[in-house]
């Protein structure tokens, strides 16, 4: 909803707001909305992040779609960093 996005953009200008976490569905519509919001926030003094995407624990590669697998490869991390020290 455009009114809710406008309200979010206004709130992002508040000095206490340091980060906006985009957590919309992982669909074409969600990605498009995330990008729209990101563009609206680019001149605000906030960090814009999104939830990690990729393979879930217990997922089988055989049944994973190309987009999910591609994102998992692009956003891969060093193994030692995945250990949750």
PDB file of N, CA and C in Angstrom:
ATOM      1  N   UNK A   1       0.844  -1.173   0.000  1.00  0.00           N
ATOM      2  CA  UNK A   1       0.000   0.000   0.000  1.00  0.00           C
ATOM      3  C   UNK A   1       0.896   1.246   0.000  1.00  0.00           C
ATOM      4  N   UNK A   2       0.636   2.149  -0.914  1.00  0.00           N
ATOM      5  CA  UNK A   2       1.473   3.348  -1.070  1.00  0.00           C
ATOM      6  C   UNK A   2       1.493   4.210   0.194  1.00  0.00           C
ATOM      7  N   UNK A   3       0.358   4.286   0.908  1.00  0.00           N
ATOM      8  CA  UNK A   3       0.317   5.086   2.138  1.00  0.00           C
ATOM      9  C   UNK A   3       1.239   4.508   3.202  1.00  0.00           C
ATOM     10  N   UNK A   4       1.263   3.194   3.327  1.00  0.00           N
ATOM     11  CA  UNK A   4       2.130   2.563   4.319  1.00  0.00           C
ATOM     12  C   UNK A   4       3.601   2.736   3.944  1.00  0.00           C
ATOM     13  N   UNK A   5       3.916   2.654   2.656  1.00  0.00           N
ATOM     14  CA  UNK A   5       5.295   2.869   2.214  1.00  0.00           C
ATOM     15  C   UNK A   5       5.709   4.311   2.491  1.00  0.00           C
ATOM     16  N   UNK A   6       4.820   5.258   2.215  1.00  0.00           N
ATOM     17  CA  UNK A   6       5.113   6.669   2.492  1.00  0.00           C
ATOM     18  C   UNK A   6       5.391   6.870   3.981  1.00  0.00           C
ATOM     19  N   UNK A   7       4.602   6.228   4.837  1.00  0.00           N
ATOM     20  CA  UNK A   7       4.805   6.323   6.278  1.00  0.00           C
ATOM     21  C   UNK A   7       6.162   5.735   6.674  1.00  0.00           C
ATOM     22  N   UNK A   8       6.533   4.620   6.068  1.00  0.00           N
ATOM     23  CA  UNK A   8       7.833   4.006   6.337  1.00  0.00           C
ATOM     24  C   UNK A   8       8.972   4.943   5.950  1.00  0.00           C
ATOM     25  N   UNK A   9       8.848   5.569   4.798  1.00  0.00           N
ATOM     26  CA  UNK A   9       9.879   6.495   4.328  1.00  0.00           C
ATOM     27  C   UNK A   9      10.016   7.668   5.299  1.00  0.00           C
ATOM     28  N   UNK A  10       8.900   8.188   5.770  1.00  0.00           N
ATOM     29  CA  UNK A  10       8.935   9.290   6.745  1.00  0.00           C
ATOM     30  C   UNK A  10       9.607   8.847   8.043  1.00  0.00           C
ATOM     31  N   UNK A  11       9.247   7.659   8.535  1.00  0.00           N
ATOM     32  CA  UNK A  11       9.824   7.165   9.789  1.00  0.00           C
ATOM     33  C   UNK A  11      11.320   6.914   9.661  1.00  0.00           C
ATOM     34  N   UNK A  12      11.777   6.577   8.454  1.00  0.00           N
ATOM     35  CA  UNK A  12      13.204   6.314   8.236  1.00  0.00           C
ATOM     36  C   UNK A  12      14.052   7.564   8.436  1.00  0.00           C
ATOM     37  N   UNK A  13      13.433   8.733   8.431  1.00  0.00           N
ATOM     38  CA  UNK A  13      14.156   9.988   8.640  1.00  0.00           C
ATOM     39  C   UNK A  13      14.395  10.282  10.115  1.00  0.00           C
ATOM     40  N   UNK A  14      13.734   9.559  11.002  1.00  0.00           N
ATOM     41  CA  UNK A  14      13.888   9.783  12.440  1.00  0.00           C
ATOM     42  C   UNK A  14      15.298   9.370  12.859  1.00  0.00           C
ATOM     43  N   UNK A  15      15.969  10.194  13.666  1.00  0.00           N
ATOM     44  CA  UNK A  15      17.361   9.902  14.035  1.00  0.00           C
ATOM     45  C   UNK A  15      17.557   8.591  14.802  1.00  0.00           C
ATOM     46  N   UNK A  16      16.516   8.082  15.451  1.00  0.00           N
ATOM     47  CA  UNK A  16      16.653   6.826  16.193  1.00  0.00           C
ATOM     48  C   UNK A  16      16.599   5.595  15.289  1.00  0.00           C
ATOM     49  N   UNK A  17      16.155   5.763  14.053  1.00  0.00           N
ATOM     50  CA  UNK A  17      16.044   4.633  13.127  1.00  0.00           C
ATOM     51  C   UNK A  17      17.379   4.478  12.402  1.00  0.00           C
ATOM     52  N   UNK A  18      18.027   3.326  12.601  1.00  0.00           N
ATOM     53  CA  UNK A  18      19.329   3.093  11.973  1.00  0.00           C
ATOM     54  C   UNK A  18      19.279   2.004  10.898  1.00  0.00           C
ATOM     55  N   UNK A  19      18.219   1.195  10.923  1.00  0.00           N
ATOM     56  CA  UNK A  19      18.135   0.106   9.952  1.00  0.00           C
ATOM     57  C   UNK A  19      16.682  -0.189   9.615  1.00  0.00           C
ATOM     58  N   UNK A  20      16.452  -0.489   8.346  1.00  0.00           N
ATOM     59  CA  UNK A  20      15.160  -0.978   7.875  1.00  0.00           C
ATOM     60  C   UNK A  20      15.418  -2.382   7.339  1.00  0.00           C
ATOM     61  N   UNK A  21      14.703  -3.375   7.863  1.00  0.00           N
ATOM     62  CA  UNK A  21      14.841  -4.748   7.394  1.00  0.00           C
ATOM     63  C   UNK A  21      13.657  -5.065   6.491  1.00  0.00           C
ATOM     64  N   UNK A  22      13.943  -5.329   5.227  1.00  0.00           N
ATOM     65  CA  UNK A  22      12.900  -5.688   4.271  1.00  0.00           C
ATOM     66  C   UNK A  22      12.629  -7.184   4.410  1.00  0.00           C
ATOM     67  N   UNK A  23      11.389  -7.543   4.713  1.00  0.00           N
ATOM     68  CA  UNK A  23      11.040  -8.951   4.956  1.00  0.00           C
ATOM     69  C   UNK A  23       9.743  -9.308   4.241  1.00  0.00           C
ATOM     70  N   UNK A  24       9.702  -9.015   2.960  1.00  0.00           N
ATOM     71  CA  UNK A  24       8.518  -9.320   2.157  1.00  0.00           C
ATOM     72  C   UNK A  24       8.637 -10.721   1.568  1.00  0.00           C
ATOM     73  N   UNK A  25       7.542 -11.254   1.046  1.00  0.00           N
ATOM     74  CA  UNK A  25       7.595 -12.599   0.449  1.00  0.00           C
ATOM     75  C   UNK A  25       8.638 -12.690  -0.666  1.00  0.00           C
ATOM     76  N   UNK A  26       9.187 -13.871  -0.845  1.00  0.00           N
ATOM     77  CA  UNK A  26      10.199 -14.091  -1.876  1.00  0.00           C
ATOM     78  C   UNK A  26       9.527 -14.426  -3.205  1.00  0.00           C
ATOM     79  N   UNK A  27       8.727 -13.482  -3.662  1.00  0.00           N
ATOM     80  CA  UNK A  27       8.022 -13.603  -4.938  1.00  0.00           C
ATOM     81  C   UNK A  27       8.454 -12.444  -5.827  1.00  0.00           C
ATOM     82  N   UNK A  28       8.047 -12.483  -7.084  1.00  0.00           N
ATOM     83  CA  UNK A  28       8.364 -11.376  -7.992  1.00  0.00           C
ATOM     84  C   UNK A  28       7.788 -10.069  -7.444  1.00  0.00           C
ATOM     85  N   UNK A  29       6.565 -10.133  -6.909  1.00  0.00           N
ATOM     86  CA  UNK A  29       5.935  -8.932  -6.351  1.00  0.00           C
ATOM     87  C   UNK A  29       6.687  -8.439  -5.117  1.00  0.00           C
ATOM     88  N   UNK A  30       7.092  -9.381  -4.257  1.00  0.00           N
ATOM     89  CA  UNK A  30       7.851  -9.008  -3.067  1.00  0.00           C
ATOM     90  C   UNK A  30       9.193  -8.389  -3.424  1.00  0.00           C
ATOM     91  N   UNK A  31       9.886  -8.996  -4.391  1.00  0.00           N
ATOM     92  CA  UNK A  31      11.174  -8.458  -4.828  1.00  0.00           C
ATOM     93  C   UNK A  31      11.021  -7.073  -5.447  1.00  0.00           C
ATOM     94  N   UNK A  32       9.970  -6.897  -6.232  1.00  0.00           N
ATOM     95  CA  UNK A  32       9.727  -5.599  -6.867  1.00  0.00           C
ATOM     96  C   UNK A  32       9.433  -4.535  -5.815  1.00  0.00           C
ATOM     97  N   UNK A  33       8.620  -4.888  -4.827  1.00  0.00           N
ATOM     98  CA  UNK A  33       8.294  -3.948  -3.753  1.00  0.00           C
ATOM     99  C   UNK A  33       9.535  -3.634  -2.923  1.00  0.00           C
ATOM    100  N   UNK A  34      10.341  -4.658  -2.615  1.00  0.00           N
ATOM    101  CA  UNK A  34      11.599  -4.422  -1.893  1.00  0.00           C
ATOM    102  C   UNK A  34      12.473  -3.425  -2.641  1.00  0.00           C
ATOM    103  N   UNK A  35      12.607  -3.601  -3.958  1.00  0.00           N
ATOM    104  CA  UNK A  35      13.450  -2.710  -4.753  1.00  0.00           C
ATOM    105  C   UNK A  35      12.877  -1.294  -4.762  1.00  0.00           C
ATOM    106  N   UNK A  36      11.561  -1.183  -4.869  1.00  0.00           N
ATOM    107  CA  UNK A  36      10.892   0.123  -4.851  1.00  0.00           C
ATOM    108  C   UNK A  36      11.180   0.842  -3.528  1.00  0.00           C
ATOM    109  N   UNK A  37      11.021   0.123  -2.418  1.00  0.00           N
ATOM    110  CA  UNK A  37      11.270   0.713  -1.101  1.00  0.00           C
ATOM    111  C   UNK A  37      12.747   1.082  -0.967  1.00  0.00           C
ATOM    112  N   UNK A  38      13.631   0.197  -1.416  1.00  0.00           N
ATOM    113  CA  UNK A  38      15.067   0.467  -1.366  1.00  0.00           C
ATOM    114  C   UNK A  38      15.404   1.763  -2.091  1.00  0.00           C
ATOM    115  N   UNK A  39      14.843   1.946  -3.275  1.00  0.00           N
ATOM    116  CA  UNK A  39      15.101   3.168  -4.052  1.00  0.00           C
ATOM    117  C   UNK A  39      14.577   4.404  -3.323  1.00  0.00           C
ATOM    118  N   UNK A  40      13.419   4.280  -2.675  1.00  0.00           N
ATOM    119  CA  UNK A  40      12.858   5.409  -1.924  1.00  0.00           C
ATOM    120  C   UNK A  40      13.716   5.759  -0.704  1.00  0.00           C
ATOM    121  N   UNK A  41      14.405   4.763  -0.142  1.00  0.00           N
ATOM    122  CA  UNK A  41      15.199   4.974   1.072  1.00  0.00           C
ATOM    123  C   UNK A  41      16.662   5.310   0.796  1.00  0.00           C
ATOM    124  N   UNK A  42      17.084   5.285  -0.457  1.00  0.00           N
ATOM    125  CA  UNK A  42      18.518   5.398  -0.757  1.00  0.00           C
ATOM    126  C   UNK A  42      19.154   6.687  -0.261  1.00  0.00           C
ATOM    127  N   UNK A  43      18.397   7.758  -0.122  1.00  0.00           N
ATOM    128  CA  UNK A  43      18.958   9.022   0.358  1.00  0.00           C
ATOM    129  C   UNK A  43      18.745   9.239   1.854  1.00  0.00           C
ATOM    130  N   UNK A  44      18.186   8.249   2.520  1.00  0.00           N
ATOM    131  CA  UNK A  44      17.958   8.352   3.967  1.00  0.00           C
ATOM    132  C   UNK A  44      19.171   7.789   4.712  1.00  0.00           C
ATOM    133  N   UNK A  45      19.419   8.286   5.925  1.00  0.00           N
ATOM    134  CA  UNK A  45      20.590   7.831   6.684  1.00  0.00           C
ATOM    135  C   UNK A  45      20.339   6.512   7.423  1.00  0.00           C
ATOM    136  N   UNK A  46      19.800   5.521   6.725  1.00  0.00           N
ATOM    137  CA  UNK A  46      19.529   4.221   7.340  1.00  0.00           C
ATOM    138  C   UNK A  46      20.176   3.122   6.504  1.00  0.00           C
ATOM    139  N   UNK A  47      20.474   2.045   7.179  1.00  0.00           N
ATOM    140  CA  UNK A  47      20.969   0.854   6.489  1.00  0.00           C
ATOM    141  C   UNK A  47      19.741   0.046   6.082  1.00  0.00           C
ATOM    142  N   UNK A  48      19.687  -0.367   4.822  1.00  0.00           N
ATOM    143  CA  UNK A  48      18.562  -1.162   4.325  1.00  0.00           C
ATOM    144  C   UNK A  48      19.069  -2.579   4.090  1.00  0.00           C
ATOM    145  N   UNK A  49      18.478  -3.530   4.812  1.00  0.00           N
ATOM    146  CA  UNK A  49      18.881  -4.925   4.679  1.00  0.00           C
ATOM    147  C   UNK A  49      17.660  -5.768   4.337  1.00  0.00           C
ATOM    148  N   UNK A  50      17.924  -6.998   3.959  1.00  0.00           N
ATOM    149  CA  UNK A  50      16.843  -7.942   3.694  1.00  0.00           C
ATOM    150  C   UNK A  50      17.201  -9.263   4.350  1.00  0.00           C
ATOM    151  N   UNK A  51      16.211 -10.067   4.608  1.00  0.00           N
ATOM    152  CA  UNK A  51      16.464 -11.369   5.203  1.00  0.00           C
ATOM    153  C   UNK A  51      17.270 -12.228   4.239  1.00  0.00           C
ATOM    154  N   UNK A  52      18.116 -13.087   4.782  1.00  0.00           N
ATOM    155  CA  UNK A  52      18.896 -13.994   3.943  1.00  0.00           C
ATOM    156  C   UNK A  52      17.960 -14.939   3.200  1.00  0.00           C
ATOM    157  N   UNK A  53      18.391 -15.319   2.010  1.00  0.00           N
ATOM    158  CA  UNK A  53      17.597 -16.242   1.197  1.00  0.00           C
ATOM    159  C   UNK A  53      18.484 -17.362   0.724  1.00  0.00           C
ATOM    160  N   UNK A  54      17.880 -18.486   0.527  1.00  0.00           N
ATOM    161  CA  UNK A  54      18.643 -19.614   0.014  1.00  0.00           C
ATOM    162  C   UNK A  54      18.051 -20.920   0.482  1.00  0.00           C
ATOM    163  N   UNK A  55      18.897 -21.897   0.587  1.00  0.00           N
ATOM    164  CA  UNK A  55      18.451 -23.229   0.966  1.00  0.00           C
ATOM    165  C   UNK A  55      18.144 -23.291   2.453  1.00  0.00           C
ATOM    166  N   UNK A  56      17.048 -23.907   2.775  1.00  0.00           N
ATOM    167  CA  UNK A  56      16.691 -24.108   4.177  1.00  0.00           C
ATOM    168  C   UNK A  56      17.400 -25.354   4.700  1.00  0.00           C
ATOM    169  N   UNK A  57      17.605 -25.398   6.001  1.00  0.00           N
ATOM    170  CA  UNK A  57      18.191 -26.584   6.617  1.00  0.00           C
ATOM    171  C   UNK A  57      17.286 -27.773   6.312  1.00  0.00           C
ATOM    172  N   UNK A  58      17.870 -28.834   5.824  1.00  0.00           N
ATOM    173  CA  UNK A  58      17.103 -30.034   5.509  1.00  0.00           C
ATOM    174  C   UNK A  58      16.602 -30.096   4.077  1.00  0.00           C
ATOM    175  N   UNK A  59      16.762 -29.003   3.305  1.00  0.00           N
ATOM    176  CA  UNK A  59      16.341 -29.022   1.901  1.00  0.00           C
ATOM    177  C   UNK A  59      17.231 -29.961   1.101  1.00  0.00           C
ATOM    178  N   UNK A  60      16.650 -30.582   0.095  1.00  0.00           N
ATOM    179  CA  UNK A  60      17.380 -31.472  -0.800  1.00  0.00           C
ATOM    180  C   UNK A  60      17.655 -30.731  -2.098  1.00  0.00           C
ATOM    181  N   UNK A  61      18.918 -30.669  -2.507  1.00  0.00           N
ATOM    182  CA  UNK A  61      19.287 -29.951  -3.734  1.00  0.00           C
ATOM    183  C   UNK A  61      18.518 -30.446  -4.952  1.00  0.00           C
ATOM    184  N   UNK A  62      18.179 -31.708  -4.962  1.00  0.00           N
ATOM    185  CA  UNK A  62      17.469 -32.292  -6.107  1.00  0.00           C
ATOM    186  C   UNK A  62      16.142 -31.585  -6.378  1.00  0.00           C
ATOM    187  N   UNK A  63      15.504 -31.054  -5.344  1.00  0.00           N
ATOM    188  CA  UNK A  63      14.186 -30.435  -5.487  1.00  0.00           C
ATOM    189  C   UNK A  63      14.228 -28.908  -5.401  1.00  0.00           C
ATOM    190  N   UNK A  64      15.421 -28.332  -5.432  1.00  0.00           N
ATOM    191  CA  UNK A  64      15.572 -26.883  -5.295  1.00  0.00           C
ATOM    192  C   UNK A  64      15.456 -26.205  -6.656  1.00  0.00           C
ATOM    193  N   UNK A  65      14.691 -25.113  -6.720  1.00  0.00           N
ATOM    194  CA  UNK A  65      14.547 -24.390  -7.985  1.00  0.00           C
ATOM    195  C   UNK A  65      15.818 -23.597  -8.292  1.00  0.00           C
ATOM    196  N   UNK A  66      15.964 -23.206  -9.560  1.00  0.00           N
ATOM    197  CA  UNK A  66      17.179 -22.525 -10.024  1.00  0.00           C
ATOM    198  C   UNK A  66      17.413 -21.185  -9.341  1.00  0.00           C
ATOM    199  N   UNK A  67      16.353 -20.435  -9.094  1.00  0.00           N
ATOM    200  CA  UNK A  67      16.512 -19.112  -8.474  1.00  0.00           C
ATOM    201  C   UNK A  67      17.040 -19.247  -7.052  1.00  0.00           C
ATOM    202  N   UNK A  68      16.451 -20.162  -6.287  1.00  0.00           N
ATOM    203  CA  UNK A  68      16.899 -20.369  -4.910  1.00  0.00           C
ATOM    204  C   UNK A  68      18.339 -20.855  -4.880  1.00  0.00           C
ATOM    205  N   UNK A  69      18.668 -21.792  -5.746  1.00  0.00           N
ATOM    206  CA  UNK A  69      20.033 -22.303  -5.792  1.00  0.00           C
ATOM    207  C   UNK A  69      21.008 -21.199  -6.206  1.00  0.00           C
ATOM    208  N   UNK A  70      20.622 -20.395  -7.188  1.00  0.00           N
ATOM    209  CA  UNK A  70      21.466 -19.288  -7.627  1.00  0.00           C
ATOM    210  C   UNK A  70      21.712 -18.283  -6.521  1.00  0.00           C
ATOM    211  N   UNK A  71      20.663 -17.937  -5.794  1.00  0.00           N
ATOM    212  CA  UNK A  71      20.823 -16.982  -4.682  1.00  0.00           C
ATOM    213  C   UNK A  71      21.706 -17.566  -3.589  1.00  0.00           C
ATOM    214  N   UNK A  72      21.560 -18.853  -3.357  1.00  0.00           N
ATOM    215  CA  UNK A  72      22.391 -19.503  -2.342  1.00  0.00           C
ATOM    216  C   UNK A  72      23.860 -19.447  -2.729  1.00  0.00           C
ATOM    217  N   UNK A  73      24.146 -19.619  -4.016  1.00  0.00           N
ATOM    218  CA  UNK A  73      25.535 -19.543  -4.483  1.00  0.00           C
ATOM    219  C   UNK A  73      26.073 -18.121  -4.410  1.00  0.00           C
ATOM    220  N   UNK A  74      25.285 -17.164  -4.847  1.00  0.00           N
ATOM    221  CA  UNK A  74      25.717 -15.764  -4.834  1.00  0.00           C
ATOM    222  C   UNK A  74      25.960 -15.281  -3.405  1.00  0.00           C
ATOM    223  N   UNK A  75      25.139 -15.718  -2.464  1.00  0.00           N
ATOM    224  CA  UNK A  75      25.223 -15.242  -1.079  1.00  0.00           C
ATOM    225  C   UNK A  75      25.941 -16.219  -0.158  1.00  0.00           C
ATOM    226  N   UNK A  76      26.760 -17.084  -0.717  1.00  0.00           N
ATOM    227  CA  UNK A  76      27.456 -18.074   0.096  1.00  0.00           C
ATOM    228  C   UNK A  76      28.424 -17.387   1.062  1.00  0.00           C
ATOM    229  N   UNK A  77      28.764 -18.094   2.124  1.00  0.00           N
ATOM    230  CA  UNK A  77      29.677 -17.580   3.148  1.00  0.00           C
ATOM    231  C   UNK A  77      30.788 -18.601   3.375  1.00  0.00           C
ATOM    232  N   UNK A  78      31.884 -18.139   3.944  1.00  0.00           N
ATOM    233  CA  UNK A  78      32.943 -19.062   4.324  1.00  0.00           C
ATOM    234  C   UNK A  78      32.388 -20.074   5.316  1.00  0.00           C
ATOM    235  N   UNK A  79      32.808 -21.309   5.191  1.00  0.00           N
ATOM    236  CA  UNK A  79      32.283 -22.354   6.067  1.00  0.00           C
ATOM    237  C   UNK A  79      32.472 -22.002   7.536  1.00  0.00           C
ATOM    238  N   UNK A  80      33.663 -21.504   7.882  1.00  0.00           N
ATOM    239  CA  UNK A  80      33.923 -21.178   9.282  1.00  0.00           C
ATOM    240  C   UNK A  80      32.962 -20.110   9.808  1.00  0.00           C
ATOM    241  N   UNK A  81      32.482 -19.220   8.931  1.00  0.00           N
ATOM    242  CA  UNK A  81      31.520 -18.197   9.352  1.00  0.00           C
ATOM    243  C   UNK A  81      30.122 -18.768   9.516  1.00  0.00           C
ATOM    244  N   UNK A  82      29.879 -19.951   8.985  1.00  0.00           N
ATOM    245  CA  UNK A  82      28.554 -20.563   9.095  1.00  0.00           C
ATOM    246  C   UNK A  82      28.394 -21.347  10.387  1.00  0.00           C
ATOM    247  N   UNK A  83      29.450 -21.442  11.170  1.00  0.00           N
ATOM    248  CA  UNK A  83      29.425 -22.262  12.375  1.00  0.00           C
ATOM    249  C   UNK A  83      28.787 -21.566  13.566  1.00  0.00           C
ATOM    250  N   UNK A  84      28.507 -20.279  13.451  1.00  0.00           N
ATOM    251  CA  UNK A  84      27.830 -19.552  14.529  1.00  0.00           C
ATOM    252  C   UNK A  84      28.662 -19.444  15.790  1.00  0.00           C
ATOM    253  N   UNK A  85      29.880 -19.025  15.651  1.00  0.00           N
ATOM    254  CA  UNK A  85      30.810 -18.904  16.790  1.00  0.00           C
ATOM    255  C   UNK A  85      30.268 -18.040  17.872  1.00  0.00           C
TER     256      UNK A  85
END
